Protein backbone atom coordinates (compact mmCIF):
# COMPACT_ATOMS: atom_id res chain seq x y z
CA UNK A 1 0.00 0.00 0.00
CA UNK A 2 1.38 3.43 -0.90
CA UNK A 3 2.09 6.08 1.73
CA UNK A 4 -0.82 8.17 0.38
CA UNK A 5 -3.13 5.18 0.73
CA UNK A 6 -1.90 4.59 4.25
CA UNK A 7 -2.69 8.16 5.24
CA UNK A 8 -6.13 7.90 3.68
CA UNK A 9 -6.73 4.63 5.51
CA UNK A 10 -5.80 6.26 8.79
CA UNK A 11 -8.21 9.11 8.15
CA UNK A 12 -10.96 6.67 7.21
CA UNK A 13 -10.32 4.69 10.37
CA UNK A 14 -10.92 7.75 12.50
CA UNK A 15 -14.15 8.49 10.67
CA UNK A 16 -15.35 4.92 10.85
CA UNK A 17 -14.62 4.49 14.51
CA UNK A 18 -16.44 7.68 15.33
CA UNK A 19 -19.39 7.58 13.00
CA UNK A 20 -20.22 4.09 11.74
CA UNK A 21 -22.61 3.12 14.53
CA UNK A 22 -26.34 3.45 14.45
CA UNK A 23 -28.22 6.06 16.40
CA UNK A 24 -28.29 5.71 20.19
CA UNK A 25 -30.45 2.93 21.53
CA UNK A 26 -33.82 3.90 22.93
CA UNK A 27 -33.63 0.99 25.38
CA UNK A 28 -32.56 3.12 28.35
CA UNK A 29 -33.90 6.43 29.55
CA UNK A 30 -31.30 9.19 29.42
CA UNK A 31 -30.07 10.01 32.91
CA UNK A 32 -27.72 12.83 33.90
CA UNK A 33 -24.58 12.08 35.88
CA UNK A 34 -25.93 13.54 39.16
CA UNK A 35 -29.22 11.67 38.76
CA UNK A 36 -27.44 8.40 38.01
CA UNK A 37 -25.08 8.81 40.95
CA UNK A 38 -27.84 9.72 43.39
CA UNK A 39 -29.93 6.69 42.43
CA UNK A 40 -26.97 4.29 42.45
CA UNK A 41 -27.48 3.23 46.07
CA UNK A 42 -30.98 2.01 45.26
CA UNK A 43 -30.03 0.35 41.97
CA UNK A 44 -28.94 -3.33 42.02
CA UNK A 45 -25.32 -4.19 41.31
CA UNK A 46 -24.73 -5.21 37.68
CA UNK A 47 -22.29 -8.13 37.48
CA UNK A 48 -21.16 -9.24 34.00
CA UNK A 49 -19.21 -12.51 33.73
CA UNK A 50 -17.51 -13.94 30.65
CA UNK A 51 -16.62 -17.61 30.28
CA UNK A 52 -14.39 -17.53 27.21
CA UNK A 53 -15.08 -20.30 24.69
CA UNK A 54 -18.13 -21.83 26.41
CA UNK A 55 -20.42 -23.46 23.86
CA UNK A 56 -24.14 -22.90 24.32
CA UNK A 57 -24.87 -26.63 24.32
CA UNK A 58 -22.64 -27.20 27.35
CA UNK A 59 -25.47 -25.85 29.51
CA UNK A 60 -27.40 -29.02 28.68
CA UNK A 61 -24.66 -31.47 29.69
CA UNK A 62 -25.54 -31.52 33.40
CA UNK A 63 -21.99 -30.75 34.55
CA UNK A 64 -22.44 -27.14 35.67
CA UNK A 65 -24.82 -27.07 38.66
CA UNK A 66 -24.29 -23.39 39.46
CA UNK A 67 -24.92 -22.24 35.90
CA UNK A 68 -27.96 -24.53 35.89
CA UNK A 69 -29.16 -22.82 39.06
CA UNK A 70 -28.88 -19.44 37.37
CA UNK A 71 -30.89 -20.79 34.43
CA UNK A 72 -33.63 -22.07 36.76
CA UNK A 73 -33.78 -18.83 38.73
CA UNK A 74 -33.44 -16.52 35.73
CA UNK A 75 -33.42 -16.58 31.94
CA UNK A 76 -31.25 -18.16 29.29
CA UNK A 77 -31.04 -17.80 25.54
CA UNK A 78 -31.30 -20.83 23.31
CA UNK A 79 -28.04 -19.36 22.12
CA UNK A 80 -26.38 -16.03 21.41
CA UNK A 81 -24.79 -15.49 17.99
CA UNK A 82 -21.31 -13.95 18.07
CA UNK A 83 -20.21 -11.24 15.69
CA UNK A 84 -17.78 -11.85 12.85
CA UNK A 85 -15.00 -12.78 13.30
CA UNK A 86 -15.87 -15.16 16.14
CA UNK A 87 -12.72 -14.32 18.10
CA UNK A 88 -12.07 -13.29 21.69
CA UNK A 89 -11.18 -9.60 21.62
CA UNK A 90 -13.60 -8.51 18.88
CA UNK A 91 -16.55 -10.19 20.59
CA UNK A 92 -15.76 -9.18 24.15
CA UNK A 93 -15.61 -5.59 23.00
CA UNK A 94 -18.83 -5.97 21.01
CA UNK A 95 -20.61 -7.22 24.14
CA UNK A 96 -19.76 -4.05 26.07
CA UNK A 97 -20.20 -1.51 23.24
CA UNK A 98 -23.03 -2.96 21.15
CA UNK A 99 -20.92 -2.28 18.07
CA UNK A 100 -19.88 -4.76 15.41
CA UNK A 101 -16.09 -5.23 15.17
CA UNK A 102 -16.23 -3.40 11.84
CA UNK A 103 -17.47 -0.35 13.76
CA UNK A 104 -15.55 -0.46 17.06
CA UNK A 105 -12.22 -1.16 15.38
CA UNK A 106 -11.08 -4.35 17.13
CA UNK A 107 -11.47 -6.26 13.89
CA UNK A 108 -9.32 -9.25 14.85
CA UNK A 109 -7.12 -10.55 17.65
CA UNK A 110 -4.20 -9.44 15.47
CA UNK A 111 -4.34 -6.46 13.13
CA UNK A 112 -2.46 -3.44 11.86
CA UNK A 113 -3.24 0.25 11.67
CA UNK A 114 -1.28 2.68 9.49
CA UNK A 115 -0.98 5.18 12.35
CA UNK A 116 -0.71 2.83 15.34
CA UNK A 117 1.29 -0.12 14.02
CA UNK A 118 0.57 -3.70 15.04
CA UNK A 119 -1.92 -5.05 17.58
CA UNK A 120 -1.39 -8.46 19.18
CA UNK A 121 -2.98 -9.92 22.31
CA UNK A 122 0.49 -10.49 23.73
CA UNK A 123 1.50 -6.84 23.24
CA UNK A 124 0.49 -5.19 26.52
CA UNK A 125 1.37 -1.73 25.23
CA UNK A 126 -1.01 -2.08 22.27
CA UNK A 127 -3.76 -3.63 24.41
CA UNK A 128 -3.45 -0.71 26.81
CA UNK A 129 -3.50 1.97 24.10
CA UNK A 130 -6.94 3.58 24.03
CA UNK A 131 -6.51 4.71 20.43
CA UNK A 132 -7.23 1.17 19.23
CA UNK A 133 -10.58 1.01 20.98
CA UNK A 134 -13.51 2.81 19.32
CA UNK A 135 -17.02 3.31 20.64
CA UNK A 136 -17.92 3.68 24.30
CA UNK A 137 -17.71 0.58 26.50
CA UNK A 138 -20.25 0.26 29.28
CA UNK A 139 -17.73 1.08 32.03
CA UNK A 140 -16.85 4.38 30.35
CA UNK A 141 -20.54 5.29 30.10
CA UNK A 142 -21.01 4.35 33.75
CA UNK A 143 -18.06 6.44 34.94
CA UNK A 144 -19.16 9.41 32.82
CA UNK A 145 -22.60 9.16 34.44
CA UNK A 146 -21.10 9.37 37.93
CA UNK A 147 -21.18 5.64 38.67
CA UNK A 148 -18.22 3.41 39.50
CA UNK A 149 -17.01 0.36 37.60
CA UNK A 150 -14.61 -2.43 38.55
CA UNK A 151 -13.30 -4.73 35.83
CA UNK A 152 -11.32 -7.96 35.98
CA UNK A 153 -9.36 -8.17 32.71
CA UNK A 154 -12.26 -7.54 30.35
CA UNK A 155 -10.70 -6.78 26.95
CA UNK A 156 -10.47 -3.02 26.59
CA UNK A 157 -10.58 -2.24 30.29
CA UNK A 158 -6.80 -1.91 30.57
CA UNK A 159 -6.88 1.14 28.27
CA UNK A 160 -7.99 4.70 28.89
CA UNK A 161 -10.83 5.01 26.38
CA UNK A 162 -12.02 8.57 25.80
CA UNK A 163 -9.55 9.31 28.59
CA UNK A 164 -11.61 7.25 31.07
CA UNK A 165 -10.67 4.11 32.98
CA UNK A 166 -12.77 2.01 35.37
CA UNK A 167 -12.50 3.12 38.99
CA UNK A 168 -10.81 -0.21 39.67
CA UNK A 169 -9.35 -2.64 37.18
CA UNK A 170 -7.22 -5.75 37.23
CA UNK A 171 -5.00 -6.53 34.24
CA UNK A 172 -5.13 -10.05 32.87
CA UNK A 173 -3.07 -12.50 34.91
CA UNK A 174 -3.43 -16.18 34.03
CA UNK A 175 -1.78 -17.15 37.31
CA UNK A 176 -4.74 -15.92 39.36
CA UNK A 177 -7.03 -18.92 39.87
CA UNK A 178 -10.80 -18.63 39.27
CA UNK A 179 -11.73 -18.64 42.96
CA UNK A 180 -9.07 -16.01 43.69
CA UNK A 181 -10.57 -13.79 41.00
CA UNK A 182 -13.94 -14.11 42.68
CA UNK A 183 -12.38 -13.24 46.04
CA UNK A 184 -10.80 -10.14 44.52
CA UNK A 185 -14.15 -9.04 43.09
CA UNK A 186 -15.89 -9.63 46.42
CA UNK A 187 -13.11 -7.66 48.08
CA UNK A 188 -13.94 -4.71 45.85
CA UNK A 189 -17.50 -4.87 47.16
CA UNK A 190 -16.26 -5.02 50.76
CA UNK A 191 -13.74 -2.18 50.52
CA UNK A 192 -15.33 0.80 52.26
CA UNK A 193 -12.27 2.96 51.62
CA UNK A 194 -13.03 3.06 47.88
CA UNK A 195 -16.19 3.90 45.94
CA UNK A 196 -18.66 1.03 45.81
CA UNK A 197 -18.93 -0.29 42.23
CA UNK A 198 -22.30 -0.34 40.51
CA UNK A 199 -20.81 -2.33 37.61
CA UNK A 200 -18.44 -5.26 38.06
CA UNK A 201 -17.01 -7.59 35.41
CA UNK A 202 -15.19 -10.93 35.66
CA UNK A 203 -13.38 -12.96 33.02
CA UNK A 204 -12.47 -16.67 32.91
CA UNK A 205 -10.31 -18.08 30.09
CA UNK A 206 -9.86 -21.67 31.34
CA UNK A 207 -12.61 -23.21 29.18
CA UNK A 208 -11.22 -21.61 26.03
CA UNK A 209 -7.70 -22.83 26.79
CA UNK A 210 -8.85 -26.41 27.36
CA UNK A 211 -10.93 -26.26 24.19
CA UNK A 212 -7.96 -25.14 22.10
CA UNK A 213 -5.64 -27.77 23.55
CA UNK A 214 -7.96 -30.79 23.59
CA UNK A 215 -11.18 -29.95 21.73
CA UNK A 216 -14.71 -29.28 23.00
CA UNK A 217 -15.65 -32.96 23.31
CA UNK A 218 -12.71 -33.74 25.60
CA UNK A 219 -12.71 -34.57 29.29
CA UNK A 220 -10.34 -31.64 29.82
CA UNK A 221 -12.86 -29.19 28.34
CA UNK A 222 -15.59 -30.58 30.59
CA UNK A 223 -13.31 -30.31 33.64
CA UNK A 224 -12.56 -26.68 32.81
CA UNK A 225 -16.31 -26.00 32.66
CA UNK A 226 -16.68 -27.64 36.07
CA UNK A 227 -13.80 -25.56 37.47
CA UNK A 228 -15.29 -22.26 36.33
CA UNK A 229 -18.76 -23.36 37.41
CA UNK A 230 -17.37 -23.99 40.90
CA UNK A 231 -16.00 -20.43 40.90
CA UNK A 232 -19.48 -19.18 39.96
CA UNK A 233 -20.82 -21.11 42.95
CA UNK A 234 -18.17 -19.50 45.15
CA UNK A 235 -19.33 -16.12 43.88
CA UNK A 236 -23.00 -16.85 44.55
CA UNK A 237 -22.17 -17.98 48.08
CA UNK A 238 -20.11 -14.84 48.67
CA UNK A 239 -22.88 -12.57 47.43
CA UNK A 240 -25.43 -14.41 49.57
CA UNK A 241 -23.30 -14.06 52.72
CA UNK A 242 -23.17 -10.33 52.11
CA UNK A 243 -26.92 -10.06 51.56
CA UNK A 244 -26.11 -8.95 48.01
CA UNK A 245 -27.29 -11.87 45.86
CA UNK A 246 -30.90 -10.78 45.44
CA UNK A 247 -29.75 -7.19 44.88
CA UNK A 248 -27.53 -8.19 41.96
CA UNK A 249 -28.41 -8.46 38.28
CA UNK A 250 -25.95 -11.13 37.21
CA UNK A 251 -25.32 -11.86 33.51
CA UNK A 252 -23.13 -14.73 32.26
CA UNK A 253 -22.00 -14.69 28.63
CA UNK A 254 -19.43 -16.31 26.41
CA UNK A 255 -17.74 -14.67 23.47
CA UNK A 256 -18.03 -17.63 21.09
CA UNK A 257 -18.22 -21.40 21.05
CA UNK A 258 -15.60 -23.99 20.11
CA UNK A 259 -15.25 -26.44 17.20
CA UNK A 260 -13.29 -29.68 16.97
CA UNK A 261 -10.16 -29.51 14.79
CA UNK A 262 -8.39 -32.78 13.87
CA UNK A 263 -4.64 -32.27 14.21
CA UNK A 264 -3.98 -33.21 10.58
CA UNK A 265 -6.43 -30.60 9.22
CA UNK A 266 -3.94 -27.75 9.09
CA UNK A 267 -3.17 -25.68 6.02
CA UNK A 268 0.28 -24.14 5.68
CA UNK A 269 -0.18 -20.46 4.97
CA UNK A 270 2.92 -20.33 2.78
CA UNK A 271 1.26 -22.92 0.52
CA UNK A 272 -1.82 -20.70 0.17
CA UNK A 273 0.06 -17.59 -0.91
CA UNK A 274 3.70 -16.64 -1.39
CA UNK A 275 5.14 -14.43 1.34
CA UNK A 276 6.99 -12.56 -1.42
CA UNK A 277 3.63 -11.65 -2.93
CA UNK A 278 1.57 -10.89 0.18
CA UNK A 279 1.68 -10.25 3.90
CA UNK A 280 -0.57 -12.31 6.14
CA UNK A 281 -1.75 -9.73 8.66
CA UNK A 282 -4.16 -11.92 10.65
CA UNK A 283 -3.79 -15.67 11.21
CA UNK A 284 -6.21 -18.33 12.39
CA UNK A 285 -9.58 -19.29 10.98
CA UNK A 286 -10.19 -15.80 9.59
CA UNK A 287 -7.12 -14.81 7.59
CA UNK A 288 -6.42 -11.23 6.60
CA UNK A 289 -4.09 -10.91 3.62
CA UNK A 290 -2.53 -7.76 2.14
CA UNK A 291 -0.99 -8.12 -1.34
CA UNK A 292 2.36 -6.42 -1.69
CA UNK A 293 2.53 -3.45 -4.10
CA UNK A 294 2.33 -4.63 -7.69
CA UNK A 295 1.23 -8.15 -6.70
CA UNK A 296 -2.49 -7.47 -6.30
CA UNK A 297 -3.65 -9.23 -9.48
CA UNK A 298 -1.44 -12.27 -8.89
CA UNK A 299 -2.60 -12.70 -5.28
CA UNK A 300 -6.26 -12.23 -6.16
CA UNK A 301 -6.02 -14.79 -8.96
CA UNK A 302 -4.52 -17.27 -6.52
CA UNK A 303 -6.90 -16.71 -3.61
CA UNK A 304 -10.29 -15.28 -4.54
CA UNK A 305 -13.21 -17.69 -4.70
CA UNK A 306 -14.02 -21.09 -3.21
CA UNK A 307 -11.41 -23.67 -2.24
CA UNK A 308 -11.86 -27.13 -0.69
CA UNK A 309 -11.01 -25.93 2.84
CA UNK A 310 -11.62 -22.17 2.68
CA UNK A 311 -13.15 -19.27 0.76
CA UNK A 312 -11.63 -15.86 0.00
CA UNK A 313 -13.18 -12.50 -0.84
CA UNK A 314 -12.15 -8.93 -1.42
CA UNK A 315 -13.16 -7.27 1.81
CA UNK A 316 -15.86 -5.18 0.11
CA UNK A 317 -17.49 -8.40 -1.17
CA UNK A 318 -17.73 -10.32 2.12
CA UNK A 319 -21.14 -11.82 3.00
CA UNK A 320 -23.48 -9.01 4.08
CA UNK A 321 -24.68 -10.97 7.11
CA UNK A 322 -21.19 -10.67 8.63
CA UNK A 323 -21.41 -6.84 8.83
CA UNK A 324 -17.68 -6.77 8.11
CA UNK A 325 -15.39 -5.24 5.54
CA UNK A 326 -15.54 -1.44 5.69
CA UNK A 327 -12.98 -0.78 8.43
CA UNK A 328 -9.54 0.29 7.15
CA UNK A 329 -7.87 -2.12 9.60
CA UNK A 330 -9.32 -5.07 7.67
CA UNK A 331 -6.81 -6.20 5.01
CA UNK A 332 -7.84 -6.18 1.33
CA UNK A 333 -8.47 -9.95 1.19
CA UNK A 334 -10.20 -12.05 3.86
CA UNK A 335 -10.09 -15.85 3.75
CA UNK A 336 -12.48 -17.82 5.95
CA UNK A 337 -11.55 -21.38 6.87
CA UNK A 338 -14.22 -24.06 6.79
CA UNK A 339 -15.21 -25.58 10.12
CA UNK A 340 -12.61 -27.99 11.46
CA UNK A 341 -9.66 -26.52 9.54
CA UNK A 342 -6.78 -24.39 10.72
CA UNK A 343 -4.21 -22.30 8.82
CA UNK A 344 -0.78 -21.61 10.30
CA UNK A 345 2.71 -20.60 9.23
CA UNK A 346 4.89 -23.65 8.63
CA UNK A 347 7.00 -22.96 11.72
CA UNK A 348 3.99 -22.79 14.04
CA UNK A 349 2.30 -25.78 12.42
CA UNK A 350 5.40 -27.88 13.11
CA UNK A 351 5.09 -27.08 16.83
CA UNK A 352 1.54 -28.44 17.04
CA UNK A 353 0.74 -32.10 17.86
CA UNK A 354 0.45 -34.08 14.65
CA UNK A 355 -2.20 -36.50 15.92
CA UNK A 356 -5.37 -36.30 17.99
CA UNK A 357 -7.95 -33.56 18.33
CA UNK A 358 -7.83 -29.96 19.40
CA UNK A 359 -10.28 -27.09 19.07
CA UNK A 360 -10.70 -23.60 17.70
CA UNK A 361 -13.13 -20.82 16.87
CA UNK A 362 -13.09 -17.95 14.40
CA UNK A 363 -15.44 -19.80 12.06
CA UNK A 364 -18.71 -18.56 10.57
CA UNK A 365 -20.79 -17.26 13.52
CA UNK A 366 -23.87 -19.01 12.11
CA UNK A 367 -22.40 -22.46 12.85
CA UNK A 368 -23.84 -24.37 15.80
CA UNK A 369 -20.34 -24.87 17.20
CA UNK A 370 -19.83 -21.10 17.45
CA UNK A 371 -23.01 -20.42 19.45
CA UNK A 372 -22.40 -18.53 22.69
CA UNK A 373 -24.05 -18.52 26.12
CA UNK A 374 -26.35 -15.93 27.67
CA UNK A 375 -27.78 -16.38 31.18
CA UNK A 376 -29.24 -13.67 33.43
CA UNK A 377 -30.56 -13.75 36.98
CA UNK A 378 -31.63 -10.99 39.34
CA UNK A 379 -34.42 -8.62 40.31
CA UNK A 380 -34.74 -7.27 36.76
CA UNK A 381 -35.15 -10.67 35.13
CA UNK A 382 -37.95 -13.15 34.73
CA UNK A 383 -37.61 -16.62 36.21
CA UNK A 384 -37.41 -19.81 34.18
CA UNK A 385 -37.71 -18.17 30.75
CA UNK A 386 -35.92 -19.24 27.58
CA UNK A 387 -35.18 -16.55 25.01
CA UNK A 388 -35.07 -16.93 21.26
CA UNK A 389 -31.58 -16.64 19.76
CA UNK A 390 -30.23 -13.11 19.34
CA UNK A 391 -27.03 -11.36 18.25
CA UNK A 392 -24.47 -10.33 20.84
CA UNK A 393 -24.72 -6.65 19.85
CA UNK A 394 -28.06 -6.69 21.69
CA UNK A 395 -26.44 -7.15 25.12
CA UNK A 396 -25.09 -3.61 25.42
CA UNK A 397 -28.47 -1.79 25.31
CA UNK A 398 -29.60 -4.09 28.12
CA UNK A 399 -26.54 -3.23 30.22
CA UNK A 400 -27.17 0.49 29.80
CA UNK A 401 -30.81 0.04 30.79
CA UNK A 402 -29.89 -1.91 33.92
CA UNK A 403 -27.46 0.82 34.97
CA UNK A 404 -29.92 3.59 34.18
CA UNK A 405 -27.51 5.41 31.88
CA UNK A 406 -27.96 6.59 28.29
CA UNK A 407 -26.82 4.10 25.69
CA UNK A 408 -24.07 5.32 23.39
CA UNK A 409 -24.52 4.86 19.62
CA UNK A 410 -24.63 1.12 18.96
CA UNK A 411 -25.70 -1.57 16.51
CA UNK A 412 -27.95 -3.46 18.92
CA UNK A 413 -31.70 -3.96 18.83
CA UNK A 414 -33.14 -2.32 21.97
CA UNK A 415 -36.22 -4.56 21.75
CA UNK A 416 -34.41 -7.90 21.47
CA UNK A 417 -34.02 -8.59 25.20
CA UNK A 418 -37.24 -7.05 26.49
CA UNK A 419 -38.69 -10.59 26.88
CA UNK A 420 -35.99 -11.27 29.49
CA UNK A 421 -37.24 -8.55 31.82
CA UNK A 422 -39.96 -8.60 34.45
């Protein structure tokens, strides 16, 4: 891409991140900061929990008694459909902004921006740079309205977005066990020396990790579900001991599901396209490919169209139902792997086990294996209800309503989750 094109892309990114969303949701009544703060003491705590990689059908396996309790005492969705691409950071940020990844700017777990450089999950400086994160996450809206938020490693919460951070936040630390995370969150509720949070988030990655390593049908995946479910039970007990349980609107979500990937079903990226002809910007099940200057026609001839294990499009021609392709951070060509296939550089593929099963996500969000979880329990929610499937952009308007703050511009349907409410 030429330097002029890069500058234009950067300008377009700023415009897209600021103006691509729909009009503000009508789900919540606009409330001024003083009004929101003064009513906070009477408003139930909003507790949002993510179990990364939890498939919707795992709720029917009978191995998660605490999640089953929440289902009995509250509402669940048949399933929640993730946004494209069905990856961790894009979907976590969609849940708290109501914006599609194409609109909030976190278009992949790995991406590039002409002004900001490269974004990787392992790059703590990039993850903590608020310039990557468009839209207004729910904790920023809460803080701007005079409320207080406490976040445990929710993607985006380590950055100052619009110059605002949660009142309390914990950076991701895989060494902190699930029960210890719960204890830290309960400690935030107990701490009288700091503002009491009206919004609290928790994040658990153990199910996703087990799914990647062993596949979603494995005993290890089931044990990870049981481990996180036990932490949910520890949380419920802690809230009950504090007299807080029935004054808490608790929502459990996942960002995406998990599909089985046989170890031998791996494509070598260098066999798909020459590295002399193109740069692979984003790896995984959703590949982002940028032809090198002068190689556009050659790369397109090699990639575009249907292949036995994947399909490729120019980004402007991606399926409309994915709501994806206008953001300048999306490379010119996107290749989507078919379910059960992976694509890796030769060096990384050689490091993977060559036999057995593992798991992954990033596939078409419409697939049953990608379906995510939504459970809600508390004074705002009906009891024993099952909701029709909905898109995960619809969660954010509900969060704003429960906090009593105005919803920022978003892509969600403010009517979608009304059947969940009393």
